[in-house]
Structures are given as structure tokens and as C-alpha cells.
């Protein structure tokens, strides 16, 4: 396994062309995380990638979802195919005279001989040993001249500052891309390519308006490549509610979201704000984005009691989406009427689960009753409970980072009666409406 992972790392490094990985920064791993997500739709956290590259100590092996994403990034269908067709190294990694153990940072394979294809996986052990030994004998072959490495340009200037502590919030980006000599320069507000704006390659400042709170990885893009990421943390100052409209949402007054024992939005208010009598694919969102002290993505318990309050005539599927926002990824839990689970998609933090290809029927609800949702991560165990019944359990490595936000999204009318966020040390945030 260590041989294969190290070989996969080298393939990724070669594809990226970023130079020696020992010099990579956290920003480099953030960019790599985005590149992997763009190609595979699997979100690997910065912490997970740092563990793969030996930057963070971790005793156990990566899980299958992580390995599959890495293999897909270098062109294979999954880790199994990588292992069977392209990932087997021809020789063991180098071992120095003073070290008998494998060092995952070392280069795999012979430095002075060409890699041979067609090593049979079913060959007897003695034959494999003979083949391996023959490669060590090839060390005397004439060494081919090395191709000089392409000179790496220094990282471009890319930083931001907010103009307000409230919403909406204009953010001023300070950048310098003169070194690239390109007129194909963009600043992208977050992961969404639709939030991309062309900027003056000879300029130094660009401003963007953020209408929603969150933790956004703004990107500086030159010639289609992400060259830098700057994190923009837009807080909400308590609960902020809005009806989503493009390009500008409709903000709701606190009095409009306060009910008898619940926070939410009624069908009446939703019709007034959205201008629609039918709410399909029209959303109201409720955000509480700020620091939650001590809340780390490897140890948390989140609980909420909620429901979609629309009628079937107003919203056919009556979808609800619950988000736990974090600095490196997010947890996204969807709920819907039982007949609409095919349309659901769920993010565990580092794995996307599609209702088109996996069974998410347990996330179908009877919204005539309140739904109690519990999401937790303890060590490597990630679990989702709905009304006291476990509906998803899986092992998970890495972390989504620090939890910095809670978001509820209702397709039409919806209500929340209580919410709690805590960890092994107790409750960090709790509110009953």
C-alpha cells in the first residue's frame, strides 16, 4: 500500500508541475483539493492531503473513497484499476544503508533504468524477486541526461479585506499578476465558476460583493489555472434569513422569521417575498456563520428539529437541506418527501453520495411530523440519525476543519424549533426558538 500511495503521489506531482512537494504550503494543498474536486466531485480536505504527503502524522491507511479520488485524478476509474493497471511500482523504494524501513517521501522505482511494463500480478514470488533483482543490476546502465526542471514562478500577490462586519459585504482584493504576462486573468469569489469576473492584468485591485455569509476560498485564476487562494470569512451576526434570488437575494426582517416556538418562514411570507405561488426550486435559507469555539470537524455532535411546512401543491418534493460549514469542507444532509429521494445528494465531508446511484431512501420524510436530525463525528466514525434511527454510518479520515457555520435551506416554507452543536466536552451552542 505504501508503495502504491507513494507512486500515486509522484504521478500527481508530475501532473501539477509545482516542484518539490516538500516545499508545498497549505495554500498549495488547498488548490490541490479544489483541482481534485473539480475532476472527481470528491472533496478531500487539506488535512487528508497533508497526511497523504506526510506533512501530518497519521497511523492508519487512507480510506477507499480517498484512494479512489487520487486514482481518478491521475486518470484511472478507481484505486483498484490503478493498482491493477498502472500503480504497481517496478522496484521497491530506495533504502539507505542506515535505514531498513520504507520512507514514503522517497522516489519509487529505478533512477537509472526505464520502467518495464507487463509484470504479472500472478507470477510466483521467486520470479518477482528475480525481476526486482535484475533492476538493481541495471544501475550500471548509462544515465540519460535529465531534462532541466521548468523554472517555477514565485507565488502571486493575492489578499483581501472586508469593508463591513454585516451583510451584504464588499471585499477588496489586492493582486499582482505582472509576472505571468497574460491578459486571461480572473478572480472567482468561491468554488462556483459562475462567480468568476475578469480583471485587469495590469491592475492591482478588484472588488466583489458577497450577499451570503460563509467561508469562501476566493481564487486568482490565470490562463485557466488557479494560482492562489485567499479565504474570505463573511459572518452573519446571528441568524440571517433570505429568500434566494439571482443575482441578489431578498433579506428577511427578524420579525418575519419568528413564529410561536419556531424560526422559519410561512407560506404567506414566502409568497410575498418570492412572488411565486408555487415554490418548486425556490429556496429560503437561514444562516448562522461565526466562530464556534472549540468545534473541530473530527469531534462534533449536531442536532436539530425541523420540517418543511409547505403543502405538496406548493412544493412537490418539499426539500430541506442542512449544512454544517467548516474551514476545509462541509457536511450537507438532504431531506425530502419519500417519493423524491432520487434527486438527493449528500456530502459527508469528504465523500459525495448521489441519490441517482446509491440508496438514500432513508432520508425520505413525512413532513406532517417534526423531523429530528442528529449528525456526529467521533474519531473516525461519521453517523447520521433521523428520528433516532441510524440512516448512515461510515468510517472517515481527515477533518473538515473548524466548524464555522450552520445553514438551513427550505424549498418553500420551513421551520426549525431547536438546534444544538457540541462535542465531547459539552454543548458549545444551543438555541430553542
Protein backbone atom coordinates (compact mmCIF):
# COMPACT_ATOMS: atom_id res chain seq x y z
CA UNK A 1 0.00 0.00 0.00
CA UNK A 2 2.79 2.45 0.87
CA UNK A 3 4.50 1.74 -2.48
CA UNK A 4 1.26 2.44 -4.35
CA UNK A 5 0.43 5.63 -2.46
CA UNK A 6 3.93 6.98 -2.96
CA UNK A 7 3.76 6.15 -6.67
CA UNK A 8 0.40 7.90 -6.96
CA UNK A 9 1.83 10.96 -5.21
CA UNK A 10 4.64 11.14 -7.74
CA UNK A 11 2.18 10.94 -10.63
CA UNK A 12 0.15 13.78 -9.13
CA UNK A 13 3.27 15.87 -8.54
CA UNK A 14 4.38 15.30 -12.12
CA UNK A 15 0.96 16.32 -13.43
CA UNK A 16 0.91 19.51 -11.33
CA UNK A 17 4.48 20.59 -12.05
CA UNK A 18 4.70 22.56 -8.81
CA UNK A 19 8.23 21.50 -7.96
CA UNK A 20 9.41 19.71 -4.83
CA UNK A 21 6.40 18.77 -2.67
CA UNK A 22 8.46 19.24 0.48
CA UNK A 23 8.16 22.99 -0.21
CA UNK A 24 4.38 22.98 -0.72
CA UNK A 25 2.39 25.26 1.57
CA UNK A 26 -1.13 24.93 2.97
CA UNK A 27 -2.32 27.08 0.09
CA UNK A 28 -0.89 24.56 -2.38
CA UNK A 29 -2.85 21.78 -0.71
CA UNK A 30 -5.99 23.93 -0.82
CA UNK A 31 -5.52 24.37 -4.56
CA UNK A 32 -4.89 20.64 -4.99
CA UNK A 33 -8.09 19.91 -3.05
CA UNK A 34 -10.02 22.12 -5.46
CA UNK A 35 -8.45 20.51 -8.51
CA UNK A 36 -9.32 17.03 -7.26
CA UNK A 37 -12.88 18.12 -6.51
CA UNK A 38 -13.32 19.73 -9.93
CA UNK A 39 -12.29 16.49 -11.64
CA UNK A 40 -13.78 13.84 -9.32
CA UNK A 41 -16.55 15.62 -7.36
CA UNK A 42 -14.92 14.20 -4.21
CA UNK A 43 -13.80 16.70 -1.60
CA UNK A 44 -10.51 15.74 0.06
CA UNK A 45 -9.69 18.04 2.93
CA UNK A 46 -6.37 19.83 3.25
CA UNK A 47 -5.63 17.74 6.33
CA UNK A 48 -6.23 14.50 4.41
CA UNK A 49 -3.92 15.61 1.60
CA UNK A 50 -1.24 16.65 4.07
CA UNK A 51 -1.42 13.18 5.59
CA UNK A 52 -1.05 11.59 2.17
CA UNK A 53 2.06 13.71 1.59
CA UNK A 54 3.46 13.01 5.06
CA UNK A 55 3.01 16.56 6.35
CA UNK A 56 0.75 15.38 9.17
CA UNK A 57 1.38 12.18 11.09
CA UNK A 58 -1.35 9.58 10.74
CA UNK A 59 -1.02 5.90 11.60
CA UNK A 60 -3.83 4.27 9.61
CA UNK A 61 -4.16 3.93 5.83
CA UNK A 62 -6.39 6.28 3.79
CA UNK A 63 -9.94 5.07 3.23
CA UNK A 64 -11.17 3.73 -0.10
CA UNK A 65 -13.00 6.96 -1.04
CA UNK A 66 -9.76 8.94 -0.66
CA UNK A 67 -7.75 6.41 -2.67
CA UNK A 68 -10.37 6.31 -5.42
CA UNK A 69 -10.28 10.11 -5.73
CA UNK A 70 -6.49 10.15 -6.00
CA UNK A 71 -6.56 7.44 -8.67
CA UNK A 72 -9.29 9.21 -10.63
CA UNK A 73 -7.29 12.43 -10.56
CA UNK A 74 -4.43 10.72 -12.44
CA UNK A 75 -6.76 9.14 -15.00
CA UNK A 76 -7.95 5.82 -13.57
CA UNK A 77 -11.52 4.73 -12.84
CA UNK A 78 -10.73 3.86 -9.22
CA UNK A 79 -7.98 2.68 -6.92
CA UNK A 80 -8.45 -0.96 -7.95
CA UNK A 81 -7.77 -0.14 -11.58
CA UNK A 82 -4.78 1.99 -10.59
CA UNK A 83 -3.39 -0.92 -8.60
CA UNK A 84 -4.00 -3.45 -11.37
CA UNK A 85 -3.02 -1.46 -14.45
CA UNK A 86 -0.77 1.41 -13.60
CA UNK A 87 0.14 1.68 -9.99
CA UNK A 88 2.44 -1.26 -9.34
CA UNK A 89 5.99 0.06 -8.98
CA UNK A 90 8.67 -1.96 -10.76
CA UNK A 91 11.08 -1.97 -7.83
CA UNK A 92 10.89 -1.23 -4.13
CA UNK A 93 11.68 2.31 -3.00
CA UNK A 94 15.22 3.30 -2.17
CA UNK A 95 16.51 2.31 1.25
CA UNK A 96 19.72 3.90 2.51
CA UNK A 97 22.43 1.90 4.23
CA UNK A 98 21.36 3.25 7.59
CA UNK A 99 17.63 2.75 7.18
CA UNK A 100 15.85 -0.54 6.84
CA UNK A 101 12.33 0.86 6.81
CA UNK A 102 10.34 2.39 3.99
CA UNK A 103 10.28 6.17 3.80
CA UNK A 104 7.17 7.33 1.97
CA UNK A 105 8.84 10.54 0.84
CA UNK A 106 11.39 8.74 -1.32
CA UNK A 107 11.14 8.32 -5.07
CA UNK A 108 9.81 4.97 -6.25
CA UNK A 109 11.46 2.89 -8.92
CA UNK A 110 14.89 2.82 -10.51
CA UNK A 111 16.55 6.12 -11.22
CA UNK A 112 18.80 4.78 -13.95
CA UNK A 113 16.60 2.40 -15.90
CA UNK A 114 13.39 2.57 -17.86
CA UNK A 115 10.22 1.24 -16.28
CA UNK A 116 9.18 -2.10 -17.85
CA UNK A 117 5.51 -2.92 -18.41
CA UNK A 118 3.71 -6.21 -18.08
CA UNK A 119 4.82 -7.51 -14.67
CA UNK A 120 2.28 -10.28 -13.95
CA UNK A 121 0.47 -9.99 -10.64
CA UNK A 122 0.06 -13.77 -10.53
CA UNK A 123 3.76 -14.53 -11.00
CA UNK A 124 5.37 -16.71 -8.30
CA UNK A 125 7.17 -14.84 -5.55
CA UNK A 126 10.56 -16.17 -6.67
CA UNK A 127 10.06 -14.84 -10.21
CA UNK A 128 9.05 -11.40 -8.90
CA UNK A 129 12.13 -11.34 -6.68
CA UNK A 130 14.30 -12.21 -9.68
CA UNK A 131 12.75 -9.43 -11.74
CA UNK A 132 13.27 -6.93 -8.92
CA UNK A 133 16.90 -8.03 -8.51
CA UNK A 134 17.51 -7.54 -12.23
CA UNK A 135 16.51 -3.89 -11.94
CA UNK A 136 19.11 -3.31 -9.23
CA UNK A 137 21.69 -4.74 -11.63
CA UNK A 138 20.64 -2.18 -14.21
CA UNK A 139 22.05 0.55 -12.01
CA UNK A 140 25.24 0.47 -14.11
CA UNK A 141 23.45 1.47 -17.31
CA UNK A 142 24.37 4.80 -18.81
CA UNK A 143 22.36 7.54 -17.17
CA UNK A 144 20.24 9.57 -19.55
CA UNK A 145 20.60 13.33 -19.37
CA UNK A 146 17.98 14.84 -17.13
CA UNK A 147 15.51 17.33 -18.53
CA UNK A 148 16.02 20.62 -16.74
CA UNK A 149 13.12 21.50 -14.48
CA UNK A 150 10.88 24.32 -15.59
CA UNK A 151 11.57 27.39 -13.52
CA UNK A 152 8.79 27.98 -11.04
CA UNK A 153 7.44 31.50 -10.83
CA UNK A 154 7.03 32.93 -7.32
CA UNK A 155 3.52 32.95 -5.90
CA UNK A 156 1.50 35.97 -6.98
CA UNK A 157 0.22 38.56 -4.55
CA UNK A 158 -3.41 37.83 -3.69
CA UNK A 159 -5.05 39.09 -0.49
CA UNK A 160 -8.37 40.56 0.61
CA UNK A 161 -10.04 42.78 3.16
CA UNK A 162 -13.70 43.20 4.09
CA UNK A 163 -15.44 46.58 4.22
CA UNK A 164 -18.12 45.63 6.77
CA UNK A 165 -19.00 43.25 9.59
CA UNK A 166 -22.53 42.81 8.26
CA UNK A 167 -24.31 41.73 5.09
CA UNK A 168 -24.00 42.49 2.26
CA UNK A 169 -20.24 42.87 2.36
CA UNK A 170 -17.89 44.27 -0.27
CA UNK A 171 -14.46 42.64 -0.34
CA UNK A 172 -11.43 44.38 -1.81
CA UNK A 173 -8.91 42.06 -3.47
CA UNK A 174 -5.30 43.18 -3.85
CA UNK A 175 -3.41 41.24 -6.54
CA UNK A 176 -0.39 41.38 -8.82
CA UNK A 177 -0.05 39.08 -11.85
CA UNK A 178 2.54 41.01 -13.89
CA UNK A 179 4.92 38.03 -13.76
CA UNK A 180 2.59 35.90 -15.91
CA UNK A 181 2.39 38.30 -18.87
CA UNK A 182 -1.17 37.17 -19.57
CA UNK A 183 -4.41 39.03 -20.20
CA UNK A 184 -6.50 35.99 -19.22
CA UNK A 185 -6.88 36.81 -15.51
CA UNK A 186 -9.94 36.22 -13.33
CA UNK A 187 -10.94 36.45 -9.69
CA UNK A 188 -13.52 33.89 -8.59
CA UNK A 189 -15.48 34.54 -5.39
CA UNK A 190 -15.66 30.90 -4.33
CA UNK A 191 -15.84 27.37 -5.76
CA UNK A 192 -18.57 28.36 -8.23
CA UNK A 193 -17.21 29.20 -11.73
CA UNK A 194 -20.26 31.40 -12.32
CA UNK A 195 -18.85 33.75 -9.67
CA UNK A 196 -15.83 34.47 -11.84
CA UNK A 197 -15.01 38.01 -13.02
CA UNK A 198 -12.32 39.10 -15.48
CA UNK A 199 -9.86 41.60 -14.03
CA UNK A 200 -7.27 43.95 -15.46
CA UNK A 201 -3.97 42.07 -15.73
CA UNK A 202 -2.15 45.38 -15.24
CA UNK A 203 -4.28 46.44 -12.29
CA UNK A 204 -3.92 45.68 -8.61
CA UNK A 205 -7.40 45.96 -7.07
CA UNK A 206 -10.79 44.39 -7.67
CA UNK A 207 -13.92 44.45 -5.51
CA UNK A 208 -16.71 41.90 -5.15
CA UNK A 209 -19.97 41.93 -3.20
CA UNK A 210 -20.83 38.95 -1.00
CA UNK A 211 -24.56 38.69 -0.30
CA UNK A 212 -24.34 35.42 1.63
CA UNK A 213 -22.32 34.58 4.74
CA UNK A 214 -19.80 31.76 4.67
CA UNK A 215 -16.15 30.74 4.48
CA UNK A 216 -15.16 31.28 0.85
CA UNK A 217 -11.97 30.27 -0.90
CA UNK A 218 -11.59 33.13 -3.38
CA UNK A 219 -9.38 32.19 -6.34
CA UNK A 220 -6.93 34.04 -8.54
CA UNK A 221 -7.02 32.32 -11.95
CA UNK A 222 -4.54 32.88 -14.76
CA UNK A 223 -4.88 31.10 -18.11
CA UNK A 224 -7.42 28.73 -16.59
CA UNK A 225 -5.15 27.70 -13.69
CA UNK A 226 -5.77 28.52 -10.02
CA UNK A 227 -2.62 30.37 -8.96
CA UNK A 228 -3.65 31.44 -5.44
CA UNK A 229 -6.48 31.10 -2.92
CA UNK A 230 -7.42 33.58 -0.23
CA UNK A 231 -10.01 32.65 2.40
CA UNK A 232 -12.79 35.20 2.91
CA UNK A 233 -14.80 34.76 6.12
CA UNK A 234 -18.15 36.56 5.92
CA UNK A 235 -20.10 36.32 9.19
CA UNK A 236 -23.82 36.70 9.76
CA UNK A 237 -24.12 38.40 13.19
CA UNK A 238 -26.64 35.88 14.50
CA UNK A 239 -29.31 34.30 12.30
CA UNK A 240 -29.66 35.87 8.87
CA UNK A 241 -32.54 34.74 6.66
CA UNK A 242 -33.23 35.37 2.99
CA UNK A 243 -35.21 34.18 0.01
CA UNK A 244 -32.74 33.19 -2.68
CA UNK A 245 -32.95 35.17 -5.90
CA UNK A 246 -30.35 35.79 -8.56
CA UNK A 247 -28.31 37.88 -8.61
CA UNK A 248 -29.43 39.49 -5.31
CA UNK A 249 -31.32 37.66 -2.55
CA UNK A 250 -34.25 39.14 -0.59
CA UNK A 251 -33.31 39.66 3.06
CA UNK A 252 -35.93 38.89 5.71
CA UNK A 253 -36.58 41.02 8.79
CA UNK A 254 -36.17 39.20 12.14
CA UNK A 255 -39.89 39.68 12.85
CA UNK A 256 -40.73 37.85 9.60
CA UNK A 257 -38.95 34.65 10.66
CA UNK A 258 -40.20 34.45 14.25
CA UNK A 259 -43.09 32.08 14.94
CA UNK A 260 -44.64 30.51 18.02
CA UNK A 261 -41.86 28.20 19.13
CA UNK A 262 -40.03 28.17 15.81
CA UNK A 263 -37.74 30.10 13.49
CA UNK A 264 -38.69 29.90 9.84
CA UNK A 265 -40.83 31.25 7.08
CA UNK A 266 -44.54 30.78 6.46
CA UNK A 267 -46.09 30.13 3.05
CA UNK A 268 -47.68 33.57 3.21
CA UNK A 269 -44.39 35.39 3.72
CA UNK A 270 -42.66 33.19 1.17
CA UNK A 271 -45.24 34.08 -1.49
CA UNK A 272 -44.88 37.78 -0.73
CA UNK A 273 -41.07 37.73 -0.92
CA UNK A 274 -40.64 35.35 -3.85
CA UNK A 275 -43.58 36.50 -5.92
CA UNK A 276 -44.43 32.86 -6.62
CA UNK A 277 -47.44 30.76 -5.70
CA UNK A 278 -45.57 27.52 -6.40
CA UNK A 279 -42.25 27.07 -4.59
CA UNK A 280 -40.53 24.32 -6.59
CA UNK A 281 -36.77 25.05 -6.82
CA UNK A 282 -37.23 28.29 -4.87
CA UNK A 283 -35.43 28.43 -1.55
CA UNK A 284 -35.42 30.22 1.78
CA UNK A 285 -32.13 29.98 3.66
CA UNK A 286 -31.21 30.62 7.30
CA UNK A 287 -27.57 31.23 8.21
CA UNK A 288 -25.64 31.42 11.47
CA UNK A 289 -21.99 31.87 10.48
CA UNK A 290 -19.33 32.71 13.07
CA UNK A 291 -16.62 31.08 15.17
CA UNK A 292 -17.88 28.22 17.31
CA UNK A 293 -15.07 27.96 19.83
CA UNK A 294 -13.55 24.50 20.12
CA UNK A 295 -15.65 22.96 17.35
CA UNK A 296 -13.40 20.77 15.24
CA UNK A 297 -14.57 18.59 12.37
CA UNK A 298 -13.27 15.38 13.98
CA UNK A 299 -15.33 15.74 17.18
CA UNK A 300 -18.84 17.18 16.96
CA UNK A 301 -22.50 16.46 17.55
CA UNK A 302 -25.13 18.48 15.70
CA UNK A 303 -28.85 18.20 16.43
CA UNK A 304 -31.89 19.97 15.01
CA UNK A 305 -35.65 19.56 14.95
CA UNK A 306 -37.24 20.87 11.75
CA UNK A 307 -39.68 20.31 8.90
CA UNK A 308 -40.73 21.65 5.52
CA UNK A 309 -44.05 23.41 6.15
CA UNK A 310 -45.16 23.76 2.51
CA UNK A 311 -48.08 21.80 1.12
CA UNK A 312 -47.45 19.31 -1.67
CA UNK A 313 -49.29 21.68 -4.00
CA UNK A 314 -46.85 24.45 -3.12
CA UNK A 315 -43.69 22.32 -3.25
CA UNK A 316 -43.85 18.87 -4.81
CA UNK A 317 -40.79 17.38 -3.09
CA UNK A 318 -40.65 19.72 -0.05
CA UNK A 319 -36.88 19.54 0.09
CA UNK A 320 -34.80 20.53 3.12
CA UNK A 321 -31.01 20.80 3.19
CA UNK A 322 -28.95 21.09 6.37
CA UNK A 323 -25.38 22.38 6.13
CA UNK A 324 -22.52 22.28 8.62
CA UNK A 325 -19.98 24.70 7.18
CA UNK A 326 -16.30 24.30 8.01
CA UNK A 327 -12.97 25.81 7.02
CA UNK A 328 -11.90 22.92 4.79
CA UNK A 329 -15.14 21.32 3.62
CA UNK A 330 -18.76 20.90 4.73
CA UNK A 331 -21.36 18.36 5.73
CA UNK A 332 -24.55 18.52 3.65
CA UNK A 333 -27.57 16.46 4.67
CA UNK A 334 -30.70 16.50 2.45
CA UNK A 335 -34.27 15.52 3.37
CA UNK A 336 -37.33 15.30 1.14
CA UNK A 337 -40.70 13.66 0.70
CA UNK A 338 -40.23 9.91 0.37
CA UNK A 339 -41.03 9.91 -3.34
CA UNK A 340 -38.24 12.38 -4.21
CA UNK A 341 -35.14 10.72 -2.74
CA UNK A 342 -33.77 10.03 -6.23
CA UNK A 343 -32.92 13.73 -6.50
CA UNK A 344 -30.97 13.92 -3.24
CA UNK A 345 -27.23 14.41 -2.87
CA UNK A 346 -25.28 14.13 0.39
CA UNK A 347 -21.79 15.26 1.38
CA UNK A 348 -20.19 13.55 4.38
CA UNK A 349 -17.29 16.00 4.40
CA UNK A 350 -15.03 14.09 2.04
CA UNK A 351 -17.43 11.87 0.07
CA UNK A 352 -20.31 12.85 -2.18
CA UNK A 353 -23.24 10.39 -2.25
CA UNK A 354 -25.61 10.69 -5.21
CA UNK A 355 -29.20 9.53 -4.85
CA UNK A 356 -29.16 8.53 -8.52
CA UNK A 357 -26.59 5.81 -7.91
CA UNK A 358 -26.95 5.00 -4.20
CA UNK A 359 -29.86 4.24 -1.89
CA UNK A 360 -30.83 7.36 0.08
CA UNK A 361 -34.40 6.23 0.75
CA UNK A 362 -33.83 6.54 4.50
CA UNK A 363 -33.68 10.33 4.01
CA UNK A 364 -37.30 10.44 2.83
CA UNK A 365 -39.62 12.05 5.39
CA UNK A 366 -43.22 12.52 6.45
CA UNK A 367 -43.25 16.26 6.97
CA UNK A 368 -46.59 16.20 8.74
CA UNK A 369 -44.32 15.33 11.69
CA UNK A 370 -41.28 17.16 13.04
CA UNK A 371 -38.00 15.55 11.97
CA UNK A 372 -35.16 15.20 14.46
CA UNK A 373 -31.75 15.09 12.81
CA UNK A 374 -28.50 14.11 14.55
CA UNK A 375 -25.12 14.28 12.78
CA UNK A 376 -21.94 13.32 14.61
CA UNK A 377 -18.27 12.58 14.13
CA UNK A 378 -16.36 10.79 16.89
CA UNK A 379 -12.84 9.76 15.95
CA UNK A 380 -13.16 8.05 12.58
CA UNK A 381 -16.89 7.32 12.90
CA UNK A 382 -19.33 9.53 11.00
CA UNK A 383 -23.03 8.91 11.63
CA UNK A 384 -26.40 10.40 10.73
CA UNK A 385 -29.53 9.62 12.75
CA UNK A 386 -33.05 10.59 11.69
CA UNK A 387 -35.74 10.39 14.36
CA UNK A 388 -33.44 8.22 16.46
CA UNK A 389 -32.68 5.71 13.69
CA UNK A 390 -29.21 5.44 12.17
CA UNK A 391 -29.52 6.14 8.42
CA UNK A 392 -25.83 6.46 7.52
CA UNK A 393 -22.64 5.25 9.18
CA UNK A 394 -19.16 5.19 7.71
CA UNK A 395 -15.52 5.44 8.66
CA UNK A 396 -13.94 8.76 7.80
CA UNK A 397 -10.36 10.01 7.85
CA UNK A 398 -9.16 13.58 7.85
CA UNK A 399 -11.09 16.58 9.05
CA UNK A 400 -13.44 19.15 7.55
CA UNK A 401 -11.59 21.77 9.61
CA UNK A 402 -13.12 24.03 12.22
CA UNK A 403 -16.91 24.33 12.12
CA UNK A 404 -17.85 27.93 11.34
CA UNK A 405 -21.50 27.86 10.32
CA UNK A 406 -24.97 26.32 10.34
CA UNK A 407 -27.32 26.74 7.41
CA UNK A 408 -30.89 25.53 6.82
CA UNK A 409 -32.42 25.65 3.35
CA UNK A 410 -36.13 25.07 2.71
CA UNK A 411 -37.79 24.65 -0.64
CA UNK A 412 -40.67 26.94 0.23
CA UNK A 413 -41.93 27.28 3.79
CA UNK A 414 -39.95 25.70 6.62
CA UNK A 415 -39.46 25.78 10.37
CA UNK A 416 -36.80 24.94 12.99
CA UNK A 417 -37.75 24.52 16.66
CA UNK A 418 -34.31 23.92 18.18
CA UNK A 419 -30.67 23.47 17.28
CA UNK A 420 -27.64 22.27 19.23
CA UNK A 421 -23.93 22.00 18.45
CA UNK A 422 -21.42 20.40 20.80
CA UNK A 423 -18.57 17.96 21.27
CA UNK A 424 -17.13 15.57 23.86
CA UNK A 425 -16.65 18.48 26.25
CA UNK A 426 -20.31 19.52 26.18
CA UNK A 427 -22.60 21.95 24.40
CA UNK A 428 -20.99 24.86 22.54
CA UNK A 429 -24.15 26.40 21.11
CA UNK A 430 -27.83 25.70 21.76
CA UNK A 431 -30.99 27.60 20.91
CA UNK A 432 -34.67 26.81 21.30
CA UNK A 433 -36.92 29.06 19.32
